[in-house]
Protein backbone atom coordinates (compact mmCIF):
# COMPACT_ATOMS: atom_id res chain seq x y z
CA MET A 1 49.21 31.52 -24.03
CA SER A 2 48.69 34.43 -21.65
CA LYS A 3 51.36 37.12 -21.42
CA ILE A 4 53.42 37.12 -18.23
CA LEU A 5 52.65 40.18 -16.14
CA ASP A 6 55.47 41.99 -14.33
CA PRO A 7 57.98 39.37 -15.58
CA ALA A 8 60.96 40.68 -13.59
CA ARG A 9 59.17 40.27 -10.25
CA GLU A 10 61.29 37.96 -8.07
CA ILE A 11 59.18 35.18 -6.53
CA VAL A 12 59.76 32.71 -3.71
CA ASP A 13 57.03 30.05 -3.80
CA PRO A 14 56.59 29.02 -0.14
CA HIS A 15 54.29 26.04 -0.62
CA HIS A 16 54.49 23.12 -3.03
CA HIS A 17 54.56 19.35 -2.86
CA LEU A 18 56.32 16.48 -4.61
CA TRP A 19 55.16 12.91 -5.07
CA PRO A 20 57.43 10.11 -6.29
CA ASN A 21 56.85 7.98 -9.34
CA GLY A 22 54.67 5.05 -8.36
CA ARG A 23 52.05 7.28 -6.77
CA ARG A 24 48.70 7.54 -8.52
CA GLU A 25 49.47 11.11 -9.52
CA PRO A 26 53.26 11.61 -9.35
CA TYR A 27 54.72 15.11 -9.29
CA THR A 28 58.48 14.95 -9.59
CA LEU A 29 61.20 17.59 -9.61
CA ALA A 30 61.13 17.63 -13.41
CA GLU A 31 57.39 18.32 -13.41
CA LEU A 32 57.78 20.99 -10.73
CA HIS A 33 60.47 22.73 -12.76
CA GLU A 34 58.31 22.59 -15.87
CA ASP A 35 55.71 24.64 -13.97
CA LEU A 36 58.18 26.95 -12.24
CA CYS A 37 59.94 27.74 -15.50
CA SER A 38 56.77 28.58 -17.42
CA GLY A 39 57.48 32.32 -17.42
CA HIS A 40 57.47 33.89 -13.97
CA ASP A 41 60.77 34.62 -12.20
CA ILE A 42 60.64 31.94 -9.51
CA VAL A 43 63.95 31.98 -7.65
CA GLN A 44 63.37 29.60 -4.71
CA THR A 45 60.71 27.32 -3.27
CA VAL A 46 59.71 25.66 -0.02
CA PHE A 47 58.50 22.04 0.01
CA VAL A 48 55.68 21.25 2.44
CA GLU A 49 55.00 17.76 3.74
CA CYS A 50 52.49 15.59 1.90
CA GLY A 51 53.10 12.04 3.12
CA ALA A 52 55.54 11.23 0.32
CA SER A 53 58.32 8.63 0.46
CA TYR A 54 58.05 7.70 4.13
CA ARG A 55 60.35 4.96 5.35
CA SER A 56 58.73 1.54 5.10
CA ASP A 57 60.38 0.13 8.21
CA GLY A 58 61.95 1.19 11.49
CA PRO A 59 60.23 3.02 14.38
CA ALA A 60 56.91 4.50 13.31
CA HIS A 61 57.69 7.95 14.70
CA LEU A 62 60.79 8.20 12.48
CA ARG A 63 59.22 7.04 9.22
CA PRO A 64 58.29 10.60 8.07
CA VAL A 65 62.01 11.39 8.03
CA GLY A 66 62.16 9.42 4.78
CA GLU A 67 60.22 12.24 3.10
CA THR A 68 62.73 14.84 4.28
CA ALA A 69 65.67 12.78 3.00
CA TRP A 70 63.95 12.22 -0.37
CA VAL A 71 63.19 15.94 -0.79
CA ALA A 72 66.71 16.90 0.30
CA ALA A 73 68.04 14.79 -2.58
CA ALA A 74 65.65 16.60 -4.94
CA ALA A 75 66.81 19.90 -3.49
CA ARG A 76 70.43 19.00 -4.20
CA ALA A 77 69.47 18.28 -7.79
CA SER A 78 67.58 21.57 -8.02
CA ALA A 79 70.59 23.47 -6.70
CA SER A 80 72.83 21.99 -9.39
CA GLY A 81 70.92 23.84 -12.11
CA GLY A 82 67.94 23.36 -14.36
CA GLY A 83 65.41 25.26 -12.29
CA PRO A 84 64.76 27.09 -9.03
CA GLU A 85 66.23 25.62 -5.86
CA ILE A 86 64.11 23.97 -3.19
CA ALA A 87 65.63 26.07 -0.43
CA GLY A 88 63.43 25.03 2.50
CA ILE A 89 61.67 21.88 3.71
CA VAL A 90 58.66 21.73 6.04
CA SER A 91 58.31 18.18 7.32
CA PHE A 92 55.85 16.16 9.37
CA ALA A 93 56.22 15.04 12.95
CA ASP A 94 53.58 14.02 15.46
CA LEU A 95 53.72 17.03 17.76
CA SER A 96 51.76 15.13 20.40
CA SER A 97 54.43 12.43 20.71
CA GLY A 98 56.00 13.91 23.85
CA GLY A 99 59.44 12.53 24.64
CA LEU A 100 59.84 11.07 21.15
CA LEU A 101 59.54 14.46 19.46
CA PRO A 102 63.11 15.75 20.04
CA GLU A 103 64.51 12.61 18.39
CA VAL A 104 62.27 13.14 15.33
CA LEU A 105 63.24 16.80 15.00
CA ASP A 106 66.93 15.91 15.27
CA ALA A 107 66.47 13.29 12.54
CA HIS A 108 64.70 15.77 10.25
CA GLU A 109 67.50 18.27 10.85
CA ALA A 110 70.12 15.71 9.84
CA ALA A 111 68.16 14.47 6.82
CA GLY A 112 67.33 17.97 5.61
CA GLU A 113 70.95 18.89 4.89
CA GLY A 114 70.51 22.46 6.13
CA ARG A 115 67.07 22.99 4.58
CA PHE A 116 64.74 21.79 7.38
CA ARG A 117 62.66 24.75 8.56
CA GLY A 118 59.56 23.54 10.36
CA ILE A 119 56.73 21.09 10.89
CA ARG A 120 53.26 20.91 9.45
CA HIS A 121 51.02 18.83 11.68
CA ALA A 122 47.65 19.67 10.19
CA LEU A 123 44.48 20.16 12.21
CA ALA A 124 42.24 19.32 9.21
CA ARG A 125 39.32 17.10 10.21
CA GLY A 126 36.07 16.59 8.32
CA ASP A 127 32.86 17.48 10.11
CA HIS A 128 31.44 13.99 9.33
CA ARG A 129 27.90 15.31 8.90
CA PRO A 130 25.44 14.37 6.14
CA GLY A 131 26.06 16.21 2.89
CA THR A 132 29.79 16.64 3.46
CA GLU A 133 31.90 16.00 0.36
CA HIS A 134 35.31 17.45 1.18
CA ASP A 135 38.50 15.61 2.09
CA PRO A 136 37.99 14.40 5.67
CA GLY A 137 41.52 15.39 6.71
CA PRO A 138 43.92 13.38 8.88
CA ALA A 139 43.53 14.91 12.37
CA ARG A 140 41.76 13.35 15.32
CA ALA A 141 39.05 15.19 17.20
CA GLY A 142 40.31 17.61 19.84
CA LEU A 143 43.96 17.55 18.69
CA ALA A 144 44.40 21.33 18.91
CA HIS A 145 43.51 21.35 22.60
CA GLU A 146 45.68 18.44 23.72
CA VAL A 147 48.26 19.59 26.25
CA GLN A 148 51.03 17.50 24.69
CA PHE A 149 50.29 18.78 21.18
CA GLN A 150 50.50 22.40 22.31
CA ALA A 151 53.74 21.60 24.14
CA GLY A 152 55.09 20.20 20.86
CA VAL A 153 54.26 23.44 19.06
CA ARG A 154 56.07 25.39 21.77
CA LEU A 155 59.13 23.15 21.38
CA LEU A 156 59.30 24.13 17.71
CA GLY A 157 59.63 27.77 18.69
CA LYS A 158 62.40 26.98 21.13
CA ARG A 159 64.29 25.35 18.25
CA GLY A 160 63.66 28.21 15.85
CA LEU A 161 61.25 26.14 13.76
CA THR A 162 57.81 27.05 12.41
CA TRP A 163 54.50 25.24 12.90
CA GLU A 164 51.84 25.35 10.26
CA SER A 165 48.42 23.90 9.72
CA TRP A 166 46.07 23.07 6.91
CA HIS A 167 42.50 22.97 8.24
CA TYR A 168 38.94 23.99 7.35
CA HIS A 169 37.09 27.25 7.92
CA TYR A 170 35.14 25.80 10.86
CA GLN A 171 38.45 24.99 12.64
CA MET A 172 39.89 28.51 12.73
CA ALA A 173 39.16 28.82 16.46
CA ASP A 174 41.25 25.70 17.03
CA PHE A 175 44.17 27.13 15.04
CA ILE A 176 43.96 30.39 17.00
CA ALA A 177 43.91 28.49 20.31
CA VAL A 178 47.13 26.67 19.38
CA ALA A 179 48.82 29.90 18.26
CA LYS A 180 47.87 31.56 21.55
CA SER A 181 49.35 28.65 23.47
CA ALA A 182 52.73 29.05 21.72
CA PRO A 183 53.47 32.79 21.51
CA ASP A 184 57.16 32.22 20.77
CA THR A 185 56.51 29.93 17.79
CA ILE A 186 55.85 31.32 14.31
CA CYS A 187 52.51 29.76 13.34
CA VAL A 188 51.72 29.63 9.62
CA LEU A 189 48.11 29.67 8.48
CA ASP A 190 47.77 27.71 5.23
CA HIS A 191 45.21 28.36 2.48
CA PHE A 192 43.07 30.99 4.26
CA GLY A 193 41.84 28.23 6.57
CA THR A 194 40.26 26.49 3.53
CA PRO A 195 36.81 28.08 3.17
CA LEU A 196 34.71 25.21 1.81
CA GLY A 197 32.26 25.47 -1.07
CA VAL A 198 31.13 21.88 -1.70
CA GLY A 199 28.55 19.57 -0.23
CA ARG A 200 26.47 21.13 2.51
CA TYR A 201 28.58 24.31 2.20
CA ARG A 202 27.81 24.85 -1.49
CA GLU A 203 25.17 27.53 -0.88
CA GLN A 204 26.89 29.17 2.09
CA ARG A 205 29.76 31.03 0.42
CA GLU A 206 28.73 34.50 1.61
CA GLU A 207 28.13 33.39 5.19
CA ILE A 208 31.41 31.47 5.29
CA PHE A 209 33.31 34.42 3.84
CA ALA A 210 31.81 36.75 6.46
CA GLN A 211 32.93 34.42 9.24
CA SER A 212 36.30 33.93 7.55
CA LYS A 213 36.89 37.68 7.60
CA ARG A 214 36.28 37.76 11.35
CA ASP A 215 38.54 34.76 11.89
CA MET A 216 41.35 36.22 9.78
CA ALA A 217 41.23 39.41 11.83
CA ALA A 218 41.36 37.37 15.07
CA ALA A 219 44.34 35.36 13.83
CA ALA A 220 46.13 38.50 12.67
CA ALA A 221 45.79 39.98 16.16
CA LEU A 222 48.38 37.40 17.27
CA PRO A 223 51.86 38.66 16.32
CA ASN A 224 53.26 35.13 15.94
CA VAL A 225 50.83 34.20 13.13
CA VAL A 226 51.68 34.63 9.44
CA ALA A 227 49.43 33.79 6.50
CA LYS A 228 50.01 31.87 3.30
CA LEU A 229 47.65 33.28 0.70
CA GLY A 230 46.65 30.72 -1.88
CA GLY A 231 45.34 27.18 -1.88
CA MET A 232 41.82 28.23 -2.85
CA ALA A 233 41.65 26.62 -6.29
CA MET A 234 41.21 23.17 -4.80
CA ALA A 235 38.04 21.27 -5.69
CA ASP A 236 36.98 21.60 -2.03
CA ASN A 237 36.72 25.38 -2.37
CA GLY A 238 33.86 24.94 -4.81
CA PHE A 239 34.68 27.51 -7.49
CA GLY A 240 34.14 24.76 -10.08
CA TRP A 241 37.22 25.52 -12.18
CA ASP A 242 38.33 21.90 -11.91
CA LYS A 243 35.23 20.85 -13.89
CA ARG A 244 35.47 23.40 -16.71
CA GLU A 245 36.42 22.60 -20.27
CA GLN A 246 37.91 26.08 -20.76
CA PRO A 247 40.71 26.89 -18.28
CA VAL A 248 40.14 29.74 -15.87
CA THR A 249 41.84 32.99 -16.82
CA ALA A 250 43.88 35.21 -14.54
CA GLU A 251 41.19 37.88 -14.79
CA GLU A 252 38.43 35.44 -13.75
CA PHE A 253 40.52 34.11 -10.88
CA ALA A 254 41.33 37.59 -9.61
CA ALA A 255 37.71 38.72 -9.84
CA ALA A 256 36.47 35.68 -7.89
CA GLN A 257 39.05 35.77 -5.10
CA ARG A 258 40.33 39.35 -4.88
CA GLU A 259 38.29 40.15 -1.75
CA TYR A 260 39.75 37.20 0.14
CA TYR A 261 43.31 38.29 -0.61
CA LEU A 262 42.85 41.99 0.01
CA HIS A 263 41.06 41.42 3.31
CA ALA A 264 43.79 39.08 4.56
CA ILE A 265 46.52 41.52 3.54
CA ASP A 266 44.63 44.33 5.24
CA CYS A 267 44.51 42.26 8.46
CA PHE A 268 48.07 40.93 8.50
CA GLY A 269 49.98 43.51 6.49
CA THR A 270 52.27 42.56 3.65
CA GLY A 271 55.08 41.75 6.08
CA ARG A 272 53.11 38.77 7.41
CA CYS A 273 51.64 37.48 4.14
CA MET A 274 53.17 35.30 1.43
CA LEU A 275 51.64 34.23 -1.86
CA GLU A 276 51.72 30.44 -2.37
CA SER A 277 51.07 28.11 -5.30
CA ASN A 278 50.05 24.92 -3.45
CA PHE A 279 51.08 23.04 -6.58
CA PRO A 280 50.30 20.52 -7.89
CA VAL A 281 47.03 20.46 -5.91
CA GLU A 282 45.82 23.69 -7.54
CA LYS A 283 46.71 22.35 -10.96
CA VAL A 284 43.27 20.75 -11.27
CA SER A 285 41.91 24.27 -11.68
CA VAL A 286 44.62 26.66 -12.86
CA SER A 287 48.03 26.68 -14.52
CA TYR A 288 51.08 28.00 -12.69
CA ARG A 289 51.47 30.75 -15.26
CA VAL A 290 47.85 31.93 -14.85
CA LEU A 291 47.91 31.62 -11.05
CA TYR A 292 50.81 34.01 -10.56
CA ASN A 293 49.39 36.37 -13.18
CA ALA A 294 46.23 36.44 -11.05
CA PHE A 295 48.29 37.22 -7.94
CA LYS A 296 49.92 40.09 -9.82
CA LEU A 297 46.53 41.44 -10.88
CA ILE A 298 45.19 41.27 -7.32
CA THR A 299 48.23 43.10 -5.91
CA ALA A 300 48.65 45.62 -8.71
CA GLY A 301 47.78 48.56 -6.45
CA PHE A 302 50.45 47.83 -3.86
CA SER A 303 53.80 49.61 -3.63
CA GLU A 304 57.02 47.98 -4.80
CA PRO A 305 58.21 47.20 -1.25
CA GLU A 306 54.80 45.68 -0.44
CA LYS A 307 54.92 43.50 -3.55
CA ASP A 308 58.46 42.44 -2.66
CA ALA A 309 57.21 41.27 0.73
CA LEU A 310 54.20 39.39 -0.66
CA PHE A 311 56.05 37.64 -3.47
CA SER A 312 59.37 36.87 -1.79
CA GLY A 313 60.43 38.83 1.29
CA THR A 314 58.03 37.41 3.87
CA ALA A 315 58.68 33.83 2.77
CA ARG A 316 62.42 34.36 2.81
CA ARG A 317 62.27 35.80 6.35
CA VAL A 318 59.82 33.27 7.83
CA TYR A 319 61.71 30.28 6.43
CA ARG A 320 65.18 31.78 6.88
CA LEU A 321 66.15 31.23 3.26
CA PRO A 322 69.57 32.19 1.92
CA PRO A 323 69.89 34.56 -1.04
CA ALA A 324 69.00 32.87 -4.32
CA SER A 325 71.79 32.18 -6.76
CA ARG A 326 71.39 33.48 -10.29
CA ALA A 327 71.57 29.87 -11.52
CA SER A 328 68.36 29.06 -9.62
CA ARG A 329 65.98 31.39 -11.39
CA GLY A 330 62.79 30.04 -12.91
CA LEU A 331 62.81 31.91 -16.19
CA PRO A 332 62.44 29.70 -19.28
CA HIS A 333 65.71 28.50 -20.79
């Protein structure tokens, strides 16, 4: 087992999921805590919507509130001890739903028991061209440019809530257009905009990275955009670690992805970047222990205040998290 690097470094993980038992691949609070308590000092986390535990009846626009209520119950259990607390919840709402949206946000607020912090309505949409292998994504064509959708993103800012998006590298212009339309809303860029490396994109890594660097700089020029750095060990990214017999090491991970991280941090600054696990999705390629060791290798040259921002401070500010209690730390016990 690899040695934990910088073991006293306080970490807020701003991006993970949960899936209930009964799903094909469940990931429960107990399984989350097993990962969080594998050696690094995880003190708090933020759950991000993943279509889990929706209500099975009632008005369709309110069914996603079931996920918030289910996670709030898990958060209560996490706060009672046994692992780091789920201190924030990012839920789903259809931001293009117009007059129905305030009712949904109110319902999430009530169900979240003080932990509701924002909405992820993803822009991700497959390009539907021959040779495409990646997840097609849930969004309809043109969503980012719909007047009502952009109005929904602006409403989040008025309520002090964040908007974030998972999408693909070829949709970065769409994400930037939405962020420009809502200058008073904090817009969170997930997973570097998911640079793809499978299917027809398998041989285009260098070209995609070059375009990604330009897009990251353009997004960073907008002061209301912050970046979650992680989410690039998914099968869609094409590094192939999910197919290996021998697990990837922290050193291999850092060598393969260091340039992505350092360029993004150079564009946004540490005060607008947060390091994310995206677990359990990344688990197909890398263990939690190795992932955060890789993050620590990549950021080894930064100052202590800069590391504090990347590993905890930015996430705590963006999601308005309270101080972590000592009982919520993720050290093994």
